């Protein structure tokens, strides 16, 4: 789909420590970027449950080759931190995750400087993205709120530096949570009516979550229930791992397909270049590409 070469060299710098004084474990990020180029837009990426800054290379490396600087924090729920479901700290990790993205955005200048990218990145063109739990985390930074037990929306976690976003496998509304999810994940009650920032939602046609009784449609709520402008990429045969976005040969991948991962990465690149006002060419060409796919994927916008 992409007309730009994706074989250019990329570099990563890790770990970079980010100030987070109230965090029980220090916050570290990884920065990945192309070796060449200037005025590079920035993506701050939130990983799925249990992952870390070392995951999601199939997405991150492709975004960097496409001309983005990608910043990846390690959240508290990472396997390397050993905080499981039964840990008393787990109940508040969703808030710490959001604070992690805020810390990365607030200290983005320092992060870029430590990575040697201060003069090459365009901080005026910054997006957030995430997969699974990371998608809910990124959604909060885009303006979505969490409904309390009384149905009242919680606080506003949006960040003024963020101009666009991409949510991969974002959880839907909380009215159809399974008993396990309702008991252990009470924060999984997003209110998308306040998510005003432009965003692309990526949903799999075979993403049948054990956290909800609604099936794959649940993962389209972030598109249908949020204000325009929004776009929805639906991939008919994709499950929650979208072909393996977290890494090659990862055990949790149920639908391994490198071409599907490339489709997710390239569609997000095209959308963010469009939404961040870098270049519209690739996004404008998506309609023809979708027609040529034979119905295996589609893009809808509002």
Foldseek 3Di string as FASTA:
>chain_A
DDPDDLPADKDKDDWDWFDDPVDPDTKTKMKMAGPDAAQAEEEEEEEAAQAANPWLCLQQSSLRSVRHIYIYIGFCRHVVNVQDLPHPCLQCSLVVSLVSVVRCLVCVCVVCVVVVRNGGYNLQQYAYEYAESRLVSSQLLLFKFFADPVRDTDDRSHDPSHQEYEYAQQAAADPFFDPVCVVRPVRSHIQQQGRAHEYEQEFELQAADNGGPPGRVRSCRNPVRYDDFYKYKYAHHAYRCQQPSTDPPDPVDDRHDSVRNVVVSVQRSQVSCVSSVNDNVVVVCVVVVCVVVVNRMDMDGD
